Amino acid sequence: MTVLVRAQCRTCDRMEDVVRQVCADLGVGWERVDIDDADAELRGEYGDVIPVTLVDGEEHASWSVDPRALRTALAA
């Protein structure tokens, strides 16, 4: 589970809060990646749609994440 964010982004902070809570509840690890520090390929693909959640390397949600949908995706 990965969250792609940008510094000083309130929308990113809100998404990260949801991810933090869901992952803690499920005992799932996750990582936070600042898109501006990521490699050029990742910046090119997701730089304009931050924040983004990736589950198993695939885009799960952008801009906002539904906690129930994230739980379902992580449980699969």
PDB file of N, CA and C in Angstrom:
ATOM      1  N   MET A   1       0.850  -1.167   0.000  1.00  0.00           N
ATOM      2  CA  MET A   1       0.000   0.000   0.000  1.00  0.00           C
ATOM      3  C   MET A   1       0.892   1.226   0.000  1.00  0.00           C
ATOM      4  N   THR A   2       0.644   2.097  -0.949  1.00  0.00           N
ATOM      5  CA  THR A   2       1.439   3.311  -1.093  1.00  0.00           C
ATOM      6  C   THR A   2       0.514   4.504  -1.248  1.00  0.00           C
ATOM      7  N   VAL A   3       0.894   5.607  -0.627  1.00  0.00           N
ATOM      8  CA  VAL A   3       0.173   6.864  -0.805  1.00  0.00           C
ATOM      9  C   VAL A   3       1.143   7.848  -1.446  1.00  0.00           C
ATOM     10  N   LEU A   4       0.762   8.362  -2.594  1.00  0.00           N
ATOM     11  CA  LEU A   4       1.563   9.371  -3.277  1.00  0.00           C
ATOM     12  C   LEU A   4       1.008  10.731  -2.892  1.00  0.00           C
ATOM     13  N   VAL A   5       1.863  11.580  -2.356  1.00  0.00           N
ATOM     14  CA  VAL A   5       1.432  12.877  -1.835  1.00  0.00           C
ATOM     15  C   VAL A   5       2.385  13.971  -2.302  1.00  0.00           C
ATOM     16  N   ARG A   6       2.030  15.179  -1.926  1.00  0.00           N
ATOM     17  CA  ARG A   6       2.880  16.345  -2.168  1.00  0.00           C
ATOM     18  C   ARG A   6       2.915  17.141  -0.868  1.00  0.00           C
ATOM     19  N   ALA A   7       4.049  17.709  -0.547  1.00  0.00           N
ATOM     20  CA  ALA A   7       4.192  18.500   0.673  1.00  0.00           C
ATOM     21  C   ALA A   7       3.207  19.666   0.685  1.00  0.00           C
ATOM     22  N   GLN A   8       2.720  19.998   1.861  1.00  0.00           N
ATOM     23  CA  GLN A   8       1.811  21.112   2.084  1.00  0.00           C
ATOM     24  C   GLN A   8       0.546  21.017   1.237  1.00  0.00           C
ATOM     25  N   CYS A   9      -0.008  19.820   1.185  1.00  0.00           N
ATOM     26  CA  CYS A   9      -1.232  19.548   0.419  1.00  0.00           C
ATOM     27  C   CYS A   9      -2.284  19.053   1.409  1.00  0.00           C
ATOM     28  N   ARG A  10      -3.296  19.847   1.658  1.00  0.00           N
ATOM     29  CA  ARG A  10      -4.322  19.466   2.634  1.00  0.00           C
ATOM     30  C   ARG A  10      -5.104  18.244   2.181  1.00  0.00           C
ATOM     31  N   THR A  11      -5.364  18.145   0.894  1.00  0.00           N
ATOM     32  CA  THR A  11      -6.065  16.974   0.374  1.00  0.00           C
ATOM     33  C   THR A  11      -5.221  15.723   0.611  1.00  0.00           C
ATOM     34  N   CYS A  12      -3.928  15.845   0.415  1.00  0.00           N
ATOM     35  CA  CYS A  12      -3.014  14.729   0.671  1.00  0.00           C
ATOM     36  C   CYS A  12      -3.051  14.329   2.144  1.00  0.00           C
ATOM     37  N   ASP A  13      -3.059  15.324   3.014  1.00  0.00           N
ATOM     38  CA  ASP A  13      -3.108  15.046   4.457  1.00  0.00           C
ATOM     39  C   ASP A  13      -4.364  14.275   4.826  1.00  0.00           C
ATOM     40  N   ARG A  14      -5.505  14.673   4.248  1.00  0.00           N
ATOM     41  CA  ARG A  14      -6.765  13.980   4.551  1.00  0.00           C
ATOM     42  C   ARG A  14      -6.727  12.540   4.060  1.00  0.00           C
ATOM     43  N   MET A  15      -6.200  12.322   2.840  1.00  0.00           N
ATOM     44  CA  MET A  15      -6.121  10.961   2.317  1.00  0.00           C
ATOM     45  C   MET A  15      -5.173  10.130   3.178  1.00  0.00           C
ATOM     46  N   GLU A  16      -4.063  10.709   3.547  1.00  0.00           N
ATOM     47  CA  GLU A  16      -3.089   9.993   4.364  1.00  0.00           C
ATOM     48  C   GLU A  16      -3.689   9.602   5.719  1.00  0.00           C
ATOM     49  N   ASP A  17      -4.520  10.466   6.293  1.00  0.00           N
ATOM     50  CA  ASP A  17      -5.180  10.140   7.563  1.00  0.00           C
ATOM     51  C   ASP A  17      -6.079   8.919   7.415  1.00  0.00           C
ATOM     52  N   VAL A  18      -6.836   8.847   6.321  1.00  0.00           N
ATOM     53  CA  VAL A  18      -7.716   7.693   6.080  1.00  0.00           C
ATOM     54  C   VAL A  18      -6.876   6.435   5.916  1.00  0.00           C
ATOM     55  N   VAL A  19      -5.827   6.511   5.115  1.00  0.00           N
ATOM     56  CA  VAL A  19      -4.955   5.350   4.886  1.00  0.00           C
ATOM     57  C   VAL A  19      -4.320   4.894   6.190  1.00  0.00           C
ATOM     58  N   ARG A  20      -3.835   5.836   6.967  1.00  0.00           N
ATOM     59  CA  ARG A  20      -3.190   5.502   8.251  1.00  0.00           C
ATOM     60  C   ARG A  20      -4.162   4.723   9.144  1.00  0.00           C
ATOM     61  N   GLN A  21      -5.399   5.191   9.257  1.00  0.00           N
ATOM     62  CA  GLN A  21      -6.382   4.545  10.125  1.00  0.00           C
ATOM     63  C   GLN A  21      -6.772   3.165   9.613  1.00  0.00           C
ATOM     64  N   VAL A  22      -7.082   3.062   8.321  1.00  0.00           N
ATOM     65  CA  VAL A  22      -7.493   1.776   7.748  1.00  0.00           C
ATOM     66  C   VAL A  22      -6.363   0.758   7.863  1.00  0.00           C
ATOM     67  N   CYS A  23      -5.163   1.160   7.523  1.00  0.00           N
ATOM     68  CA  CYS A  23      -4.035   0.230   7.588  1.00  0.00           C
ATOM     69  C   CYS A  23      -3.746  -0.193   9.028  1.00  0.00           C
ATOM     70  N   ALA A  24      -3.876   0.730   9.973  1.00  0.00           N
ATOM     71  CA  ALA A  24      -3.674   0.384  11.382  1.00  0.00           C
ATOM     72  C   ALA A  24      -4.729  -0.624  11.833  1.00  0.00           C
ATOM     73  N   ASP A  25      -5.969  -0.404  11.436  1.00  0.00           N
ATOM     74  CA  ASP A  25      -7.054  -1.316  11.808  1.00  0.00           C
ATOM     75  C   ASP A  25      -6.835  -2.718  11.253  1.00  0.00           C
ATOM     76  N   LEU A  26      -6.282  -2.793  10.040  1.00  0.00           N
ATOM     77  CA  LEU A  26      -6.088  -4.083   9.371  1.00  0.00           C
ATOM     78  C   LEU A  26      -4.710  -4.684   9.603  1.00  0.00           C
ATOM     79  N   GLY A  27      -3.820  -3.927  10.218  1.00  0.00           N
ATOM     80  CA  GLY A  27      -2.459  -4.412  10.414  1.00  0.00           C
ATOM     81  C   GLY A  27      -1.671  -4.508   9.121  1.00  0.00           C
ATOM     82  N   VAL A  28      -1.950  -3.592   8.205  1.00  0.00           N
ATOM     83  CA  VAL A  28      -1.310  -3.580   6.892  1.00  0.00           C
ATOM     84  C   VAL A  28      -0.268  -2.461   6.865  1.00  0.00           C
ATOM     85  N   GLY A  29       0.901  -2.759   6.349  1.00  0.00           N
ATOM     86  CA  GLY A  29       1.933  -1.742   6.203  1.00  0.00           C
ATOM     87  C   GLY A  29       1.651  -0.842   5.016  1.00  0.00           C
ATOM     88  N   TRP A  30       2.172   0.369   5.073  1.00  0.00           N
ATOM     89  CA  TRP A  30       2.009   1.303   3.967  1.00  0.00           C
ATOM     90  C   TRP A  30       3.192   2.254   3.950  1.00  0.00           C
ATOM     91  N   GLU A  31       3.354   2.910   2.824  1.00  0.00           N
ATOM     92  CA  GLU A  31       4.428   3.885   2.713  1.00  0.00           C
ATOM     93  C   GLU A  31       3.897   5.174   2.104  1.00  0.00           C
ATOM     94  N   ARG A  32       4.522   6.273   2.488  1.00  0.00           N
ATOM     95  CA  ARG A  32       4.193   7.598   1.978  1.00  0.00           C
ATOM     96  C   ARG A  32       5.313   7.998   1.033  1.00  0.00           C
ATOM     97  N   VAL A  33       4.955   8.394  -0.182  1.00  0.00           N
ATOM     98  CA  VAL A  33       5.951   8.818  -1.163  1.00  0.00           C
ATOM     99  C   VAL A  33       5.602  10.229  -1.623  1.00  0.00           C
ATOM    100  N   ASP A  34       6.515  11.161  -1.420  1.00  0.00           N
ATOM    101  CA  ASP A  34       6.335  12.518  -1.932  1.00  0.00           C
ATOM    102  C   ASP A  34       6.629  12.475  -3.424  1.00  0.00           C
ATOM    103  N   ILE A  35       5.646  12.790  -4.223  1.00  0.00           N
ATOM    104  CA  ILE A  35       5.768  12.680  -5.677  1.00  0.00           C
ATOM    105  C   ILE A  35       6.900  13.552  -6.216  1.00  0.00           C
ATOM    106  N   ASP A  36       7.178  14.657  -5.547  1.00  0.00           N
ATOM    107  CA  ASP A  36       8.247  15.542  -6.015  1.00  0.00           C
ATOM    108  C   ASP A  36       9.637  14.957  -5.776  1.00  0.00           C
ATOM    109  N   ASP A  37       9.732  13.934  -4.919  1.00  0.00           N
ATOM    110  CA  ASP A  37      10.994  13.250  -4.674  1.00  0.00           C
ATOM    111  C   ASP A  37      11.071  11.903  -5.388  1.00  0.00           C
ATOM    112  N   ALA A  38      10.013  11.535  -6.095  1.00  0.00           N
ATOM    113  CA  ALA A  38       9.933  10.232  -6.757  1.00  0.00           C
ATOM    114  C   ALA A  38      10.650  10.273  -8.106  1.00  0.00           C
ATOM    115  N   ASP A  39      10.805   9.093  -8.692  1.00  0.00           N
ATOM    116  CA  ASP A  39      11.475   9.029  -9.990  1.00  0.00           C
ATOM    117  C   ASP A  39      10.595   9.675 -11.076  1.00  0.00           C
ATOM    118  N   ALA A  40      11.215  10.001 -12.192  1.00  0.00           N
ATOM    119  CA  ALA A  40      10.543  10.728 -13.272  1.00  0.00           C
ATOM    120  C   ALA A  40       9.329   9.979 -13.816  1.00  0.00           C
ATOM    121  N   GLU A  41       9.390   8.661 -13.872  1.00  0.00           N
ATOM    122  CA  GLU A  41       8.268   7.880 -14.393  1.00  0.00           C
ATOM    123  C   GLU A  41       7.037   8.034 -13.501  1.00  0.00           C
ATOM    124  N   LEU A  42       7.234   7.924 -12.212  1.00  0.00           N
ATOM    125  CA  LEU A  42       6.126   8.073 -11.264  1.00  0.00           C
ATOM    126  C   LEU A  42       5.565   9.494 -11.300  1.00  0.00           C
ATOM    127  N   ARG A  43       6.450  10.495 -11.344  1.00  0.00           N
ATOM    128  CA  ARG A  43       6.005  11.888 -11.439  1.00  0.00           C
ATOM    129  C   ARG A  43       5.209  12.115 -12.711  1.00  0.00           C
ATOM    130  N   GLY A  44       5.666  11.547 -13.813  1.00  0.00           N
ATOM    131  CA  GLY A  44       4.972  11.715 -15.076  1.00  0.00           C
ATOM    132  C   GLY A  44       3.589  11.093 -15.086  1.00  0.00           C
ATOM    133  N   GLU A  45       3.466   9.939 -14.450  1.00  0.00           N
ATOM    134  CA  GLU A  45       2.184   9.234 -14.448  1.00  0.00           C
ATOM    135  C   GLU A  45       1.185   9.818 -13.455  1.00  0.00           C
ATOM    136  N   TYR A  46       1.640  10.243 -12.279  1.00  0.00           N
ATOM    137  CA  TYR A  46       0.721  10.643 -11.215  1.00  0.00           C
ATOM    138  C   TYR A  46       0.862  12.088 -10.751  1.00  0.00           C
ATOM    139  N   GLY A  47       1.818  12.824 -11.261  1.00  0.00           N
ATOM    140  CA  GLY A  47       2.100  14.168 -10.767  1.00  0.00           C
ATOM    141  C   GLY A  47       0.934  15.130 -10.805  1.00  0.00           C
ATOM    142  N   ASP A  48       0.001  14.950 -11.742  1.00  0.00           N
ATOM    143  CA  ASP A  48      -1.128  15.863 -11.886  1.00  0.00           C
ATOM    144  C   ASP A  48      -2.379  15.410 -11.151  1.00  0.00           C
ATOM    145  N   VAL A  49      -2.343  14.240 -10.523  1.00  0.00           N
ATOM    146  CA  VAL A  49      -3.558  13.716  -9.880  1.00  0.00           C
ATOM    147  C   VAL A  49      -3.345  13.403  -8.398  1.00  0.00           C
ATOM    148  N   ILE A  50      -2.351  13.996  -7.814  1.00  0.00           N
ATOM    149  CA  ILE A  50      -2.009  13.758  -6.410  1.00  0.00           C
ATOM    150  C   ILE A  50      -3.100  14.317  -5.519  1.00  0.00           C
ATOM    151  N   PRO A  51      -3.472  13.650  -4.464  1.00  0.00           N
ATOM    152  CA  PRO A  51      -2.942  12.416  -3.915  1.00  0.00           C
ATOM    153  C   PRO A  51      -3.523  11.178  -4.591  1.00  0.00           C
ATOM    154  N   VAL A  52      -2.773  10.098  -4.523  1.00  0.00           N
ATOM    155  CA  VAL A  52      -3.162   8.826  -5.133  1.00  0.00           C
ATOM    156  C   VAL A  52      -2.828   7.704  -4.148  1.00  0.00           C
ATOM    157  N   THR A  53      -3.713   6.717  -4.088  1.00  0.00           N
ATOM    158  CA  THR A  53      -3.390   5.502  -3.343  1.00  0.00           C
ATOM    159  C   THR A  53      -3.147   4.390  -4.344  1.00  0.00           C
ATOM    160  N   LEU A  54      -2.120   3.592  -4.071  1.00  0.00           N
ATOM    161  CA  LEU A  54      -1.789   2.430  -4.885  1.00  0.00           C
ATOM    162  C   LEU A  54      -1.910   1.194  -4.008  1.00  0.00           C
ATOM    163  N   VAL A  55      -2.630   0.208  -4.488  1.00  0.00           N
ATOM    164  CA  VAL A  55      -2.748  -1.070  -3.799  1.00  0.00           C
ATOM    165  C   VAL A  55      -2.134  -2.111  -4.728  1.00  0.00           C
ATOM    166  N   ASP A  56      -1.118  -2.791  -4.236  1.00  0.00           N
ATOM    167  CA  ASP A  56      -0.374  -3.765  -5.043  1.00  0.00           C
ATOM    168  C   ASP A  56       0.131  -3.145  -6.341  1.00  0.00           C
ATOM    169  N   GLY A  57       0.557  -1.883  -6.259  1.00  0.00           N
ATOM    170  CA  GLY A  57       1.134  -1.196  -7.405  1.00  0.00           C
ATOM    171  C   GLY A  57       0.134  -0.653  -8.403  1.00  0.00           C
ATOM    172  N   GLU A  58      -1.150  -0.872  -8.173  1.00  0.00           N
ATOM    173  CA  GLU A  58      -2.198  -0.405  -9.076  1.00  0.00           C
ATOM    174  C   GLU A  58      -2.945   0.762  -8.437  1.00  0.00           C
ATOM    175  N   GLU A  59      -3.320   1.747  -9.257  1.00  0.00           N
ATOM    176  CA  GLU A  59      -4.065   2.891  -8.734  1.00  0.00           C
ATOM    177  C   GLU A  59      -5.397   2.436  -8.150  1.00  0.00           C
ATOM    178  N   HIS A  60      -5.624   2.809  -6.914  1.00  0.00           N
ATOM    179  CA  HIS A  60      -6.882   2.492  -6.238  1.00  0.00           C
ATOM    180  C   HIS A  60      -7.799   3.714  -6.228  1.00  0.00           C
ATOM    181  N   ALA A  61      -7.258   4.871  -5.862  1.00  0.00           N
ATOM    182  CA  ALA A  61      -8.063   6.084  -5.779  1.00  0.00           C
ATOM    183  C   ALA A  61      -7.176   7.309  -5.946  1.00  0.00           C
ATOM    184  N   SER A  62      -7.786   8.384  -6.428  1.00  0.00           N
ATOM    185  CA  SER A  62      -7.084   9.661  -6.484  1.00  0.00           C
ATOM    186  C   SER A  62      -8.011  10.736  -5.947  1.00  0.00           C
ATOM    187  N   TRP A  63      -7.423  11.773  -5.402  1.00  0.00           N
ATOM    188  CA  TRP A  63      -8.101  12.920  -4.802  1.00  0.00           C
ATOM    189  C   TRP A  63      -8.730  12.596  -3.452  1.00  0.00           C
ATOM    190  N   SER A  64      -9.454  11.471  -3.337  1.00  0.00           N
ATOM    191  CA  SER A  64     -10.008  11.063  -2.052  1.00  0.00           C
ATOM    192  C   SER A  64     -10.126   9.543  -2.060  1.00  0.00           C
ATOM    193  N   VAL A  65     -10.228   8.979  -0.856  1.00  0.00           N
ATOM    194  CA  VAL A  65     -10.326   7.524  -0.764  1.00  0.00           C
ATOM    195  C   VAL A  65     -11.454   7.176   0.198  1.00  0.00           C
ATOM    196  N   ASP A  66     -12.285   6.246  -0.208  1.00  0.00           N
ATOM    197  CA  ASP A  66     -13.372   5.769   0.629  1.00  0.00           C
ATOM    198  C   ASP A  66     -12.817   4.686   1.553  1.00  0.00           C
ATOM    199  N   PRO A  67     -12.964   4.850   2.864  1.00  0.00           N
ATOM    200  CA  PRO A  67     -12.396   3.862   3.790  1.00  0.00           C
ATOM    201  C   PRO A  67     -12.904   2.441   3.552  1.00  0.00           C
ATOM    202  N   ARG A  68     -14.193   2.288   3.268  1.00  0.00           N
ATOM    203  CA  ARG A  68     -14.734   0.942   3.037  1.00  0.00           C
ATOM    204  C   ARG A  68     -14.143   0.309   1.783  1.00  0.00           C
ATOM    205  N   ALA A  69     -14.035   1.095   0.720  1.00  0.00           N
ATOM    206  CA  ALA A  69     -13.458   0.566  -0.520  1.00  0.00           C
ATOM    207  C   ALA A  69     -11.996   0.198  -0.318  1.00  0.00           C
ATOM    208  N   LEU A  70     -11.280   0.995   0.465  1.00  0.00           N
ATOM    209  CA  LEU A  70      -9.873   0.693   0.725  1.00  0.00           C
ATOM    210  C   LEU A  70      -9.754  -0.592   1.550  1.00  0.00           C
ATOM    211  N   ARG A  71     -10.605  -0.755   2.546  1.00  0.00           N
ATOM    212  CA  ARG A  71     -10.590  -1.982   3.348  1.00  0.00           C
ATOM    213  C   ARG A  71     -10.819  -3.203   2.454  1.00  0.00           C
ATOM    214  N   THR A  72     -11.783  -3.099   1.567  1.00  0.00           N
ATOM    215  CA  THR A  72     -12.103  -4.204   0.651  1.00  0.00           C
ATOM    216  C   THR A  72     -10.906  -4.516  -0.246  1.00  0.00           C
ATOM    217  N   ALA A  73     -10.283  -3.477  -0.797  1.00  0.00           N
ATOM    218  CA  ALA A  73      -9.137  -3.681  -1.690  1.00  0.00           C
ATOM    219  C   ALA A  73      -7.964  -4.315  -0.943  1.00  0.00           C
ATOM    220  N   LEU A  74      -7.745  -3.896   0.280  1.00  0.00           N
ATOM    221  CA  LEU A  74      -6.623  -4.438   1.041  1.00  0.00           C
ATOM    222  C   LEU A  74      -6.880  -5.856   1.532  1.00  0.00           C
ATOM    223  N   ALA A  75      -8.124  -6.206   1.701  1.00  0.00           N
ATOM    224  CA  ALA A  75      -8.474  -7.546   2.164  1.00  0.00           C
ATOM    225  C   ALA A  75      -8.434  -8.574   1.032  1.00  0.00           C
ATOM    226  N   ALA A  76      -8.481  -8.094  -0.201  1.00  0.00           N
ATOM    227  CA  ALA A  76      -8.517  -8.995  -1.370  1.00  0.00           C
ATOM    228  C   ALA A  76      -7.176  -9.657  -1.612  1.00  0.00           C
TER     229      ALA A  76
END
